[in-house]
Amino acid sequence: MADAPDAGGPVVKVQLCYVLPDTAFHTDLQLPPGSTLLQAIEASGVLQRFAEIDLGVNKVGIFGKQKSPDTLLREGDRVEIYRPLQADPKESRRKRARRSA
């Protein structure tokens, strides 16, 4: 953990990412130790910028692994908000296999 230059206390440095087909939102955050994934999302401002994010629908995670919103953050974590899948990957694979056969 590092100290925040202006606050004088310990912080946990994390990054938050939300990616769309045509744009990406990335921000670095410094949060108090013991902060959760949900607190990082709220602190980032991403919910105000992207009204389509519904945390009841969108899954969240850290480094590509789905996590619950109450997961405690560690130094260097990358918090991610996932968009719902547009197509079932298994069905897409079956369609490609039928077309190539």
PDB file of N, CA and C in Angstrom:
ATOM      1  N   MET A   1       0.831  -1.172   0.000  1.00  0.00           N
ATOM      2  CA  MET A   1       0.000   0.000   0.000  1.00  0.00           C
ATOM      3  C   MET A   1       0.878   1.239   0.000  1.00  0.00           C
ATOM      4  N   ALA A   2       0.343   2.290  -0.574  1.00  0.00           N
ATOM      5  CA  ALA A   2       1.084   3.531  -0.640  1.00  0.00           C
ATOM      6  C   ALA A   2       0.319   4.622   0.095  1.00  0.00           C
ATOM      7  N   ASP A   3       1.007   5.696   0.422  1.00  0.00           N
ATOM      8  CA  ASP A   3       0.350   6.837   1.053  1.00  0.00           C
ATOM      9  C   ASP A   3      -0.104   7.805  -0.022  1.00  0.00           C
ATOM     10  N   ALA A   4      -1.299   8.369   0.168  1.00  0.00           N
ATOM     11  CA  ALA A   4      -1.786   9.406  -0.746  1.00  0.00           C
ATOM     12  C   ALA A   4      -1.042  10.692  -0.422  1.00  0.00           C
ATOM     13  N   PRO A   5      -0.523  11.392  -1.436  1.00  0.00           N
ATOM     14  CA  PRO A   5       0.260  12.586  -1.172  1.00  0.00           C
ATOM     15  C   PRO A   5      -0.552  13.679  -0.477  1.00  0.00           C
ATOM     16  N   ASP A   6      -1.837  13.787  -0.781  1.00  0.00           N
ATOM     17  CA  ASP A   6      -2.630  14.865  -0.210  1.00  0.00           C
ATOM     18  C   ASP A   6      -3.358  14.441   1.066  1.00  0.00           C
ATOM     19  N   ALA A   7      -3.722  13.187   1.217  1.00  0.00           N
ATOM     20  CA  ALA A   7      -4.491  12.743   2.372  1.00  0.00           C
ATOM     21  C   ALA A   7      -3.588  12.360   3.538  1.00  0.00           C
ATOM     22  N   GLY A   8      -2.392  11.903   3.247  1.00  0.00           N
ATOM     23  CA  GLY A   8      -1.474  11.550   4.296  1.00  0.00           C
ATOM     24  C   GLY A   8      -1.686  10.169   4.884  1.00  0.00           C
ATOM     25  N   GLY A   9      -2.713   9.436   4.444  1.00  0.00           N
ATOM     26  CA  GLY A   9      -2.976   8.111   4.985  1.00  0.00           C
ATOM     27  C   GLY A   9      -2.762   7.035   3.948  1.00  0.00           C
ATOM     28  N   PRO A  10      -2.833   5.775   4.406  1.00  0.00           N
ATOM     29  CA  PRO A  10      -2.649   4.665   3.461  1.00  0.00           C
ATOM     30  C   PRO A  10      -3.810   4.577   2.471  1.00  0.00           C
ATOM     31  N   VAL A  11      -3.512   4.137   1.275  1.00  0.00           N
ATOM     32  CA  VAL A  11      -4.529   3.961   0.229  1.00  0.00           C
ATOM     33  C   VAL A  11      -4.269   2.652  -0.517  1.00  0.00           C
ATOM     34  N   VAL A  12      -5.291   2.203  -1.220  1.00  0.00           N
ATOM     35  CA  VAL A  12      -5.186   1.069  -2.127  1.00  0.00           C
ATOM     36  C   VAL A  12      -5.377   1.638  -3.521  1.00  0.00           C
ATOM     37  N   LYS A  13      -4.396   1.429  -4.391  1.00  0.00           N
ATOM     38  CA  LYS A  13      -4.480   1.935  -5.765  1.00  0.00           C
ATOM     39  C   LYS A  13      -5.039   0.831  -6.652  1.00  0.00           C
ATOM     40  N   VAL A  14      -6.127   1.156  -7.370  1.00  0.00           N
ATOM     41  CA  VAL A  14      -6.762   0.219  -8.295  1.00  0.00           C
ATOM     42  C   VAL A  14      -7.123   0.951  -9.576  1.00  0.00           C
ATOM     43  N   GLN A  15      -7.465   0.186 -10.595  1.00  0.00           N
ATOM     44  CA  GLN A  15      -7.934   0.755 -11.856  1.00  0.00           C
ATOM     45  C   GLN A  15      -9.321   0.218 -12.120  1.00  0.00           C
ATOM     46  N   LEU A  16     -10.205   1.054 -12.674  1.00  0.00           N
ATOM     47  CA  LEU A  16     -11.535   0.616 -13.062  1.00  0.00           C
ATOM     48  C   LEU A  16     -11.658   0.711 -14.572  1.00  0.00           C
ATOM     49  N   CYS A  17     -12.241  -0.333 -15.200  1.00  0.00           N
ATOM     50  CA  CYS A  17     -12.396  -0.386 -16.654  1.00  0.00           C
ATOM     51  C   CYS A  17     -13.828  -0.758 -17.024  1.00  0.00           C
ATOM     52  N   TYR A  18     -14.354  -0.066 -18.022  1.00  0.00           N
ATOM     53  CA  TYR A  18     -15.634  -0.417 -18.631  1.00  0.00           C
ATOM     54  C   TYR A  18     -15.458  -0.184 -20.122  1.00  0.00           C
ATOM     55  N   VAL A  19     -15.616  -1.230 -20.919  1.00  0.00           N
ATOM     56  CA  VAL A  19     -15.315  -1.152 -22.345  1.00  0.00           C
ATOM     57  C   VAL A  19     -16.575  -1.395 -23.164  1.00  0.00           C
ATOM     58  N   LEU A  20     -16.787  -0.522 -24.146  1.00  0.00           N
ATOM     59  CA  LEU A  20     -17.871  -0.647 -25.111  1.00  0.00           C
ATOM     60  C   LEU A  20     -17.245  -0.878 -26.483  1.00  0.00           C
ATOM     61  N   PRO A  21     -18.036  -1.279 -27.481  1.00  0.00           N
ATOM     62  CA  PRO A  21     -17.451  -1.514 -28.808  1.00  0.00           C
ATOM     63  C   PRO A  21     -16.724  -0.299 -29.384  1.00  0.00           C
ATOM     64  N   ASP A  22     -17.194   0.906 -29.066  1.00  0.00           N
ATOM     65  CA  ASP A  22     -16.598   2.095 -29.678  1.00  0.00           C
ATOM     66  C   ASP A  22     -15.862   3.013 -28.706  1.00  0.00           C
ATOM     67  N   THR A  23     -15.836   2.668 -27.442  1.00  0.00           N
ATOM     68  CA  THR A  23     -15.156   3.520 -26.465  1.00  0.00           C
ATOM     69  C   THR A  23     -14.747   2.698 -25.245  1.00  0.00           C
ATOM     70  N   ALA A  24     -13.840   3.250 -24.478  1.00  0.00           N
ATOM     71  CA  ALA A  24     -13.401   2.583 -23.247  1.00  0.00           C
ATOM     72  C   ALA A  24     -13.263   3.627 -22.148  1.00  0.00           C
ATOM     73  N   PHE A  25     -13.661   3.257 -20.957  1.00  0.00           N
ATOM     74  CA  PHE A  25     -13.536   4.113 -19.780  1.00  0.00           C
ATOM     75  C   PHE A  25     -12.539   3.452 -18.842  1.00  0.00           C
ATOM     76  N   HIS A  26     -11.457   4.133 -18.561  1.00  0.00           N
ATOM     77  CA  HIS A  26     -10.417   3.659 -17.635  1.00  0.00           C
ATOM     78  C   HIS A  26     -10.133   4.784 -16.658  1.00  0.00           C
ATOM     79  N   THR A  27     -10.037   4.459 -15.405  1.00  0.00           N
ATOM     80  CA  THR A  27      -9.642   5.466 -14.427  1.00  0.00           C
ATOM     81  C   THR A  27      -8.876   4.810 -13.294  1.00  0.00           C
ATOM     82  N   ASP A  28      -7.886   5.532 -12.805  1.00  0.00           N
ATOM     83  CA  ASP A  28      -7.111   5.081 -11.660  1.00  0.00           C
ATOM     84  C   ASP A  28      -7.733   5.668 -10.402  1.00  0.00           C
ATOM     85  N   LEU A  29      -7.835   4.843  -9.381  1.00  0.00           N
ATOM     86  CA  LEU A  29      -8.450   5.269  -8.132  1.00  0.00           C
ATOM     87  C   LEU A  29      -7.514   5.014  -6.966  1.00  0.00           C
ATOM     88  N   GLN A  30      -7.625   5.845  -5.949  1.00  0.00           N
ATOM     89  CA  GLN A  30      -6.944   5.642  -4.680  1.00  0.00           C
ATOM     90  C   GLN A  30      -8.028   5.607  -3.615  1.00  0.00           C
ATOM     91  N   LEU A  31      -8.199   4.456  -2.994  1.00  0.00           N
ATOM     92  CA  LEU A  31      -9.281   4.246  -2.041  1.00  0.00           C
ATOM     93  C   LEU A  31      -8.718   3.854  -0.678  1.00  0.00           C
ATOM     94  N   PRO A  32      -9.504   4.048   0.362  1.00  0.00           N
ATOM     95  CA  PRO A  32      -9.038   3.632   1.689  1.00  0.00           C
ATOM     96  C   PRO A  32      -8.922   2.115   1.773  1.00  0.00           C
ATOM     97  N   PRO A  33      -7.993   1.604   2.562  1.00  0.00           N
ATOM     98  CA  PRO A  33      -7.907   0.156   2.759  1.00  0.00           C
ATOM     99  C   PRO A  33      -9.255  -0.377   3.256  1.00  0.00           C
ATOM    100  N   GLY A  34      -9.619  -1.565   2.800  1.00  0.00           N
ATOM    101  CA  GLY A  34     -10.899  -2.156   3.176  1.00  0.00           C
ATOM    102  C   GLY A  34     -12.031  -1.783   2.234  1.00  0.00           C
ATOM    103  N   SER A  35     -11.715  -1.049   1.148  1.00  0.00           N
ATOM    104  CA  SER A  35     -12.743  -0.674   0.175  1.00  0.00           C
ATOM    105  C   SER A  35     -13.167  -1.892  -0.630  1.00  0.00           C
ATOM    106  N   THR A  36     -14.417  -1.865  -1.078  1.00  0.00           N
ATOM    107  CA  THR A  36     -14.971  -2.974  -1.847  1.00  0.00           C
ATOM    108  C   THR A  36     -15.026  -2.635  -3.327  1.00  0.00           C
ATOM    109  N   LEU A  37     -15.293  -3.653  -4.103  1.00  0.00           N
ATOM    110  CA  LEU A  37     -15.455  -3.501  -5.540  1.00  0.00           C
ATOM    111  C   LEU A  37     -16.576  -2.491  -5.825  1.00  0.00           C
ATOM    112  N   LEU A  38     -17.692  -2.581  -5.124  1.00  0.00           N
ATOM    113  CA  LEU A  38     -18.811  -1.655  -5.315  1.00  0.00           C
ATOM    114  C   LEU A  38     -18.407  -0.220  -4.975  1.00  0.00           C
ATOM    115  N   GLN A  39     -17.649  -0.032  -3.926  1.00  0.00           N
ATOM    116  CA  GLN A  39     -17.203   1.310  -3.562  1.00  0.00           C
ATOM    117  C   GLN A  39     -16.304   1.907  -4.641  1.00  0.00           C
ATOM    118  N   ALA A  40     -15.490   1.087  -5.268  1.00  0.00           N
ATOM    119  CA  ALA A  40     -14.645   1.566  -6.368  1.00  0.00           C
ATOM    120  C   ALA A  40     -15.506   2.007  -7.541  1.00  0.00           C
ATOM    121  N   ILE A  41     -16.517   1.224  -7.864  1.00  0.00           N
ATOM    122  CA  ILE A  41     -17.406   1.577  -8.977  1.00  0.00           C
ATOM    123  C   ILE A  41     -18.093   2.907  -8.688  1.00  0.00           C
ATOM    124  N   GLU A  42     -18.602   3.054  -7.475  1.00  0.00           N
ATOM    125  CA  GLU A  42     -19.293   4.293  -7.111  1.00  0.00           C
ATOM    126  C   GLU A  42     -18.340   5.487  -7.114  1.00  0.00           C
ATOM    127  N   ALA A  43     -17.125   5.303  -6.654  1.00  0.00           N
ATOM    128  CA  ALA A  43     -16.151   6.398  -6.588  1.00  0.00           C
ATOM    129  C   ALA A  43     -15.643   6.814  -7.964  1.00  0.00           C
ATOM    130  N   SER A  44     -15.713   5.916  -8.933  1.00  0.00           N
ATOM    131  CA  SER A  44     -15.137   6.181 -10.256  1.00  0.00           C
ATOM    132  C   SER A  44     -15.939   7.171 -11.099  1.00  0.00           C
ATOM    133  N   GLY A  45     -17.243   7.295 -10.832  1.00  0.00           N
ATOM    134  CA  GLY A  45     -18.094   8.143 -11.662  1.00  0.00           C
ATOM    135  C   GLY A  45     -18.626   7.448 -12.896  1.00  0.00           C
ATOM    136  N   VAL A  46     -18.299   6.170 -13.091  1.00  0.00           N
ATOM    137  CA  VAL A  46     -18.724   5.445 -14.286  1.00  0.00           C
ATOM    138  C   VAL A  46     -20.251   5.304 -14.350  1.00  0.00           C
ATOM    139  N   LEU A  47     -20.911   5.193 -13.212  1.00  0.00           N
ATOM    140  CA  LEU A  47     -22.372   5.031 -13.213  1.00  0.00           C
ATOM    141  C   LEU A  47     -23.072   6.299 -13.697  1.00  0.00           C
ATOM    142  N   GLN A  48     -22.494   7.455 -13.426  1.00  0.00           N
ATOM    143  CA  GLN A  48     -23.074   8.706 -13.909  1.00  0.00           C
ATOM    144  C   GLN A  48     -22.799   8.912 -15.397  1.00  0.00           C
ATOM    145  N   ARG A  49     -21.674   8.444 -15.850  1.00  0.00           N
ATOM    146  CA  ARG A  49     -21.286   8.649 -17.256  1.00  0.00           C
ATOM    147  C   ARG A  49     -21.983   7.675 -18.202  1.00  0.00           C
ATOM    148  N   PHE A  50     -22.258   6.458 -17.733  1.00  0.00           N
ATOM    149  CA  PHE A  50     -22.874   5.435 -18.570  1.00  0.00           C
ATOM    150  C   PHE A  50     -24.160   4.954 -17.903  1.00  0.00           C
ATOM    151  N   ALA A  51     -25.261   5.592 -18.263  1.00  0.00           N
ATOM    152  CA  ALA A  51     -26.562   5.301 -17.636  1.00  0.00           C
ATOM    153  C   ALA A  51     -27.033   3.870 -17.900  1.00  0.00           C
ATOM    154  N   GLU A  52     -26.505   3.222 -18.929  1.00  0.00           N
ATOM    155  CA  GLU A  52     -26.944   1.855 -19.260  1.00  0.00           C
ATOM    156  C   GLU A  52     -26.420   0.807 -18.282  1.00  0.00           C
ATOM    157  N   ILE A  53     -25.463   1.159 -17.453  1.00  0.00           N
ATOM    158  CA  ILE A  53     -24.936   0.196 -16.485  1.00  0.00           C
ATOM    159  C   ILE A  53     -25.977  -0.027 -15.393  1.00  0.00           C
ATOM    160  N   ASP A  54     -26.365  -1.274 -15.237  1.00  0.00           N
ATOM    161  CA  ASP A  54     -27.301  -1.680 -14.184  1.00  0.00           C
ATOM    162  C   ASP A  54     -26.601  -2.785 -13.410  1.00  0.00           C
ATOM    163  N   LEU A  55     -26.190  -2.494 -12.192  1.00  0.00           N
ATOM    164  CA  LEU A  55     -25.427  -3.474 -11.429  1.00  0.00           C
ATOM    165  C   LEU A  55     -26.259  -4.677 -11.026  1.00  0.00           C
ATOM    166  N   GLY A  56     -27.564  -4.626 -11.259  1.00  0.00           N
ATOM    167  CA  GLY A  56     -28.404  -5.800 -11.083  1.00  0.00           C
ATOM    168  C   GLY A  56     -28.312  -6.735 -12.281  1.00  0.00           C
ATOM    169  N   VAL A  57     -27.861  -6.205 -13.420  1.00  0.00           N
ATOM    170  CA  VAL A  57     -27.734  -6.977 -14.660  1.00  0.00           C
ATOM    171  C   VAL A  57     -26.270  -7.199 -15.023  1.00  0.00           C
ATOM    172  N   ASN A  58     -25.488  -6.127 -15.024  1.00  0.00           N
ATOM    173  CA  ASN A  58     -24.079  -6.218 -15.393  1.00  0.00           C
ATOM    174  C   ASN A  58     -23.293  -6.943 -14.309  1.00  0.00           C
ATOM    175  N   LYS A  59     -22.490  -7.885 -14.721  1.00  0.00           N
ATOM    176  CA  LYS A  59     -21.601  -8.599 -13.801  1.00  0.00           C
ATOM    177  C   LYS A  59     -20.358  -7.751 -13.587  1.00  0.00           C
ATOM    178  N   VAL A  60     -19.696  -7.963 -12.473  1.00  0.00           N
ATOM    179  CA  VAL A  60     -18.467  -7.238 -12.157  1.00  0.00           C
ATOM    180  C   VAL A  60     -17.391  -8.240 -11.768  1.00  0.00           C
ATOM    181  N   GLY A  61     -16.140  -7.815 -11.881  1.00  0.00           N
ATOM    182  CA  GLY A  61     -15.065  -8.721 -11.527  1.00  0.00           C
ATOM    183  C   GLY A  61     -13.737  -8.014 -11.391  1.00  0.00           C
ATOM    184  N   ILE A  62     -12.711  -8.809 -11.176  1.00  0.00           N
ATOM    185  CA  ILE A  62     -11.344  -8.327 -11.050  1.00  0.00           C
ATOM    186  C   ILE A  62     -10.472  -9.198 -11.946  1.00  0.00           C
ATOM    187  N   PHE A  63      -9.758  -8.564 -12.861  1.00  0.00           N
ATOM    188  CA  PHE A  63      -8.858  -9.260 -13.787  1.00  0.00           C
ATOM    189  C   PHE A  63      -9.551 -10.428 -14.499  1.00  0.00           C
ATOM    190  N   GLY A  64     -10.755 -10.210 -15.016  1.00  0.00           N
ATOM    191  CA  GLY A  64     -11.443 -11.216 -15.826  1.00  0.00           C
ATOM    192  C   GLY A  64     -12.131 -12.313 -15.045  1.00  0.00           C
ATOM    193  N   LYS A  65     -12.149 -12.230 -13.747  1.00  0.00           N
ATOM    194  CA  LYS A  65     -12.827 -13.240 -12.933  1.00  0.00           C
ATOM    195  C   LYS A  65     -13.989 -12.579 -12.210  1.00  0.00           C
ATOM    196  N   GLN A  66     -15.180 -13.131 -12.420  1.00  0.00           N
ATOM    197  CA  GLN A  66     -16.369 -12.560 -11.808  1.00  0.00           C
ATOM    198  C   GLN A  66     -16.263 -12.601 -10.289  1.00  0.00           C
ATOM    199  N   LYS A  67     -16.613 -11.481  -9.665  1.00  0.00           N
ATOM    200  CA  LYS A  67     -16.557 -11.340  -8.206  1.00  0.00           C
ATOM    201  C   LYS A  67     -17.854 -10.689  -7.728  1.00  0.00           C
ATOM    202  N   SER A  68     -18.111 -10.799  -6.447  1.00  0.00           N
ATOM    203  CA  SER A  68     -19.287 -10.139  -5.884  1.00  0.00           C
ATOM    204  C   SER A  68     -18.924  -8.681  -5.571  1.00  0.00           C
ATOM    205  N   PRO A  69     -19.936  -7.800  -5.556  1.00  0.00           N
ATOM    206  CA  PRO A  69     -19.668  -6.383  -5.291  1.00  0.00           C
ATOM    207  C   PRO A  69     -19.039  -6.102  -3.921  1.00  0.00           C
ATOM    208  N   ASP A  70     -19.180  -7.033  -2.978  1.00  0.00           N
ATOM    209  CA  ASP A  70     -18.611  -6.802  -1.648  1.00  0.00           C
ATOM    210  C   ASP A  70     -17.185  -7.348  -1.497  1.00  0.00           C
ATOM    211  N   THR A  71     -16.577  -7.747  -2.603  1.00  0.00           N
ATOM    212  CA  THR A  71     -15.193  -8.227  -2.586  1.00  0.00           C
ATOM    213  C   THR A  71     -14.243  -7.106  -2.181  1.00  0.00           C
ATOM    214  N   LEU A  72     -13.377  -7.388  -1.241  1.00  0.00           N
ATOM    215  CA  LEU A  72     -12.384  -6.393  -0.812  1.00  0.00           C
ATOM    216  C   LEU A  72     -11.295  -6.251  -1.870  1.00  0.00           C
ATOM    217  N   LEU A  73     -10.891  -5.023  -2.098  1.00  0.00           N
ATOM    218  CA  LEU A  73      -9.877  -4.740  -3.113  1.00  0.00           C
ATOM    219  C   LEU A  73      -8.474  -4.839  -2.530  1.00  0.00           C
ATOM    220  N   ARG A  74      -7.549  -5.212  -3.423  1.00  0.00           N
ATOM    221  CA  ARG A  74      -6.133  -5.262  -3.068  1.00  0.00           C
ATOM    222  C   ARG A  74      -5.373  -4.321  -3.991  1.00  0.00           C
ATOM    223  N   GLU A  75      -4.229  -3.917  -3.548  1.00  0.00           N
ATOM    224  CA  GLU A  75      -3.362  -3.035  -4.331  1.00  0.00           C
ATOM    225  C   GLU A  75      -3.164  -3.599  -5.737  1.00  0.00           C
ATOM    226  N   GLY A  76      -3.382  -2.759  -6.750  1.00  0.00           N
ATOM    227  CA  GLY A  76      -3.139  -3.145  -8.124  1.00  0.00           C
ATOM    228  C   GLY A  76      -4.284  -3.867  -8.815  1.00  0.00           C
ATOM    229  N   ASP A  77      -5.416  -4.094  -8.131  1.00  0.00           N
ATOM    230  CA  ASP A  77      -6.548  -4.766  -8.780  1.00  0.00           C
ATOM    231  C   ASP A  77      -7.084  -3.940  -9.947  1.00  0.00           C
ATOM    232  N   ARG A  78      -7.599  -4.637 -10.967  1.00  0.00           N
ATOM    233  CA  ARG A  78      -8.298  -3.983 -12.072  1.00  0.00           C
ATOM    234  C   ARG A  78      -9.766  -4.382 -11.965  1.00  0.00           C
ATOM    235  N   VAL A  79     -10.590  -3.446 -11.554  1.00  0.00           N
ATOM    236  CA  VAL A  79     -12.029  -3.661 -11.415  1.00  0.00           C
ATOM    237  C   VAL A  79     -12.654  -3.537 -12.799  1.00  0.00           C
ATOM    238  N   GLU A  80     -13.492  -4.507 -13.163  1.00  0.00           N
ATOM    239  CA  GLU A  80     -14.100  -4.522 -14.497  1.00  0.00           C
ATOM    240  C   GLU A  80     -15.613  -4.649 -14.372  1.00  0.00           C
ATOM    241  N   ILE A  81     -16.320  -3.923 -15.237  1.00  0.00           N
ATOM    242  CA  ILE A  81     -17.772  -4.046 -15.350  1.00  0.00           C
ATOM    243  C   ILE A  81     -18.022  -4.703 -16.697  1.00  0.00           C
ATOM    244  N   TYR A  82     -18.722  -5.837 -16.678  1.00  0.00           N
ATOM    245  CA  TYR A  82     -18.930  -6.611 -17.901  1.00  0.00           C
ATOM    246  C   TYR A  82     -20.296  -6.309 -18.500  1.00  0.00           C
ATOM    247  N   ARG A  83     -20.333  -6.238 -19.827  1.00  0.00           N
ATOM    248  CA  ARG A  83     -21.597  -6.060 -20.541  1.00  0.00           C
ATOM    249  C   ARG A  83     -22.239  -7.423 -20.757  1.00  0.00           C
ATOM    250  N   PRO A  84     -23.577  -7.470 -20.823  1.00  0.00           N
ATOM    251  CA  PRO A  84     -24.237  -8.752 -21.115  1.00  0.00           C
ATOM    252  C   PRO A  84     -23.802  -9.263 -22.496  1.00  0.00           C
ATOM    253  N   LEU A  85     -23.708 -10.579 -22.631  1.00  0.00           N
ATOM    254  CA  LEU A  85     -23.338 -11.169 -23.918  1.00  0.00           C
ATOM    255  C   LEU A  85     -24.427 -10.907 -24.950  1.00  0.00           C
ATOM    256  N   GLN A  86     -24.023 -10.632 -26.176  1.00  0.00           N
ATOM    257  CA  GLN A  86     -24.969 -10.420 -27.263  1.00  0.00           C
ATOM    258  C   GLN A  86     -25.429 -11.740 -27.859  1.00  0.00           C
ATOM    259  N   ALA A  87     -24.618 -12.765 -27.732  1.00  0.00           N
ATOM    260  CA  ALA A  87     -24.948 -14.090 -28.282  1.00  0.00           C
ATOM    261  C   ALA A  87     -24.344 -15.158 -27.378  1.00  0.00           C
ATOM    262  N   ASP A  88     -24.974 -16.302 -27.338  1.00  0.00           N
ATOM    263  CA  ASP A  88     -24.467 -17.437 -26.568  1.00  0.00           C
ATOM    264  C   ASP A  88     -23.240 -17.992 -27.291  1.00  0.00           C
ATOM    265  N   PRO A  89     -22.083 -18.031 -26.654  1.00  0.00           N
ATOM    266  CA  PRO A  89     -20.869 -18.498 -27.324  1.00  0.00           C
ATOM    267  C   PRO A  89     -20.987 -19.925 -27.860  1.00  0.00           C
ATOM    268  N   LYS A  90     -21.675 -20.796 -27.140  1.00  0.00           N
ATOM    269  CA  LYS A  90     -21.827 -22.172 -27.621  1.00  0.00           C
ATOM    270  C   LYS A  90     -22.673 -22.218 -28.888  1.00  0.00           C
ATOM    271  N   GLU A  91     -23.740 -21.449 -28.927  1.00  0.00           N
ATOM    272  CA  GLU A  91     -24.598 -21.425 -30.124  1.00  0.00           C
ATOM    273  C   GLU A  91     -23.859 -20.815 -31.306  1.00  0.00           C
ATOM    274  N   SER A  92     -23.077 -19.771 -31.064  1.00  0.00           N
ATOM    275  CA  SER A  92     -22.289 -19.160 -32.139  1.00  0.00           C
ATOM    276  C   SER A  92     -21.308 -20.163 -32.724  1.00  0.00           C
ATOM    277  N   ARG A  93     -20.673 -20.965 -31.869  1.00  0.00           N
ATOM    278  CA  ARG A  93     -19.724 -21.986 -32.324  1.00  0.00           C
ATOM    279  C   ARG A  93     -20.442 -23.040 -33.159  1.00  0.00           C
ATOM    280  N   ARG A  94     -21.642 -23.441 -32.732  1.00  0.00           N
ATOM    281  CA  ARG A  94     -22.413 -24.441 -33.514  1.00  0.00           C
ATOM    282  C   ARG A  94     -22.759 -23.900 -34.891  1.00  0.00           C
ATOM    283  N   LYS A  95     -23.166 -22.637 -34.956  1.00  0.00           N
ATOM    284  CA  LYS A  95     -23.508 -22.017 -36.257  1.00  0.00           C
ATOM    285  C   LYS A  95     -22.298 -21.985 -37.188  1.00  0.00           C
ATOM    286  N   ARG A  96     -21.130 -21.632 -36.650  1.00  0.00           N
ATOM    287  CA  ARG A  96     -19.921 -21.607 -37.475  1.00  0.00           C
ATOM    288  C   ARG A  96     -19.581 -22.998 -37.977  1.00  0.00           C
ATOM    289  N   ALA A  97     -19.747 -24.014 -37.121  1.00  0.00           N
ATOM    290  CA  ALA A  97     -19.454 -25.391 -37.506  1.00  0.00           C
ATOM    291  C   ALA A  97     -20.394 -25.852 -38.610  1.00  0.00           C
ATOM    292  N   ARG A  98     -21.677 -25.500 -38.512  1.00  0.00           N
ATOM    293  CA  ARG A  98     -22.632 -25.897 -39.564  1.00  0.00           C
ATOM    294  C   ARG A  98     -22.302 -25.231 -40.888  1.00  0.00           C
ATOM    295  N   ARG A  99     -21.892 -23.971 -40.858  1.00  0.00           N
ATOM    296  CA  ARG A  99     -21.569 -23.255 -42.093  1.00  0.00           C
ATOM    297  C   ARG A  99     -20.332 -23.817 -42.776  1.00  0.00           C
ATOM    298  N   SER A 100     -19.365 -24.277 -41.989  1.00  0.00           N
ATOM    299  CA  SER A 100     -18.135 -24.787 -42.589  1.00  0.00           C
ATOM    300  C   SER A 100     -18.255 -26.240 -43.023  1.00  0.00           C
ATOM    301  N   ALA A 101     -19.305 -26.922 -42.619  1.00  0.00           N
ATOM    302  CA  ALA A 101     -19.476 -28.343 -42.969  1.00  0.00           C
ATOM    303  C   ALA A 101     -20.055 -28.533 -44.344  1.00  0.00           C
TER     304      ALA A 101
END
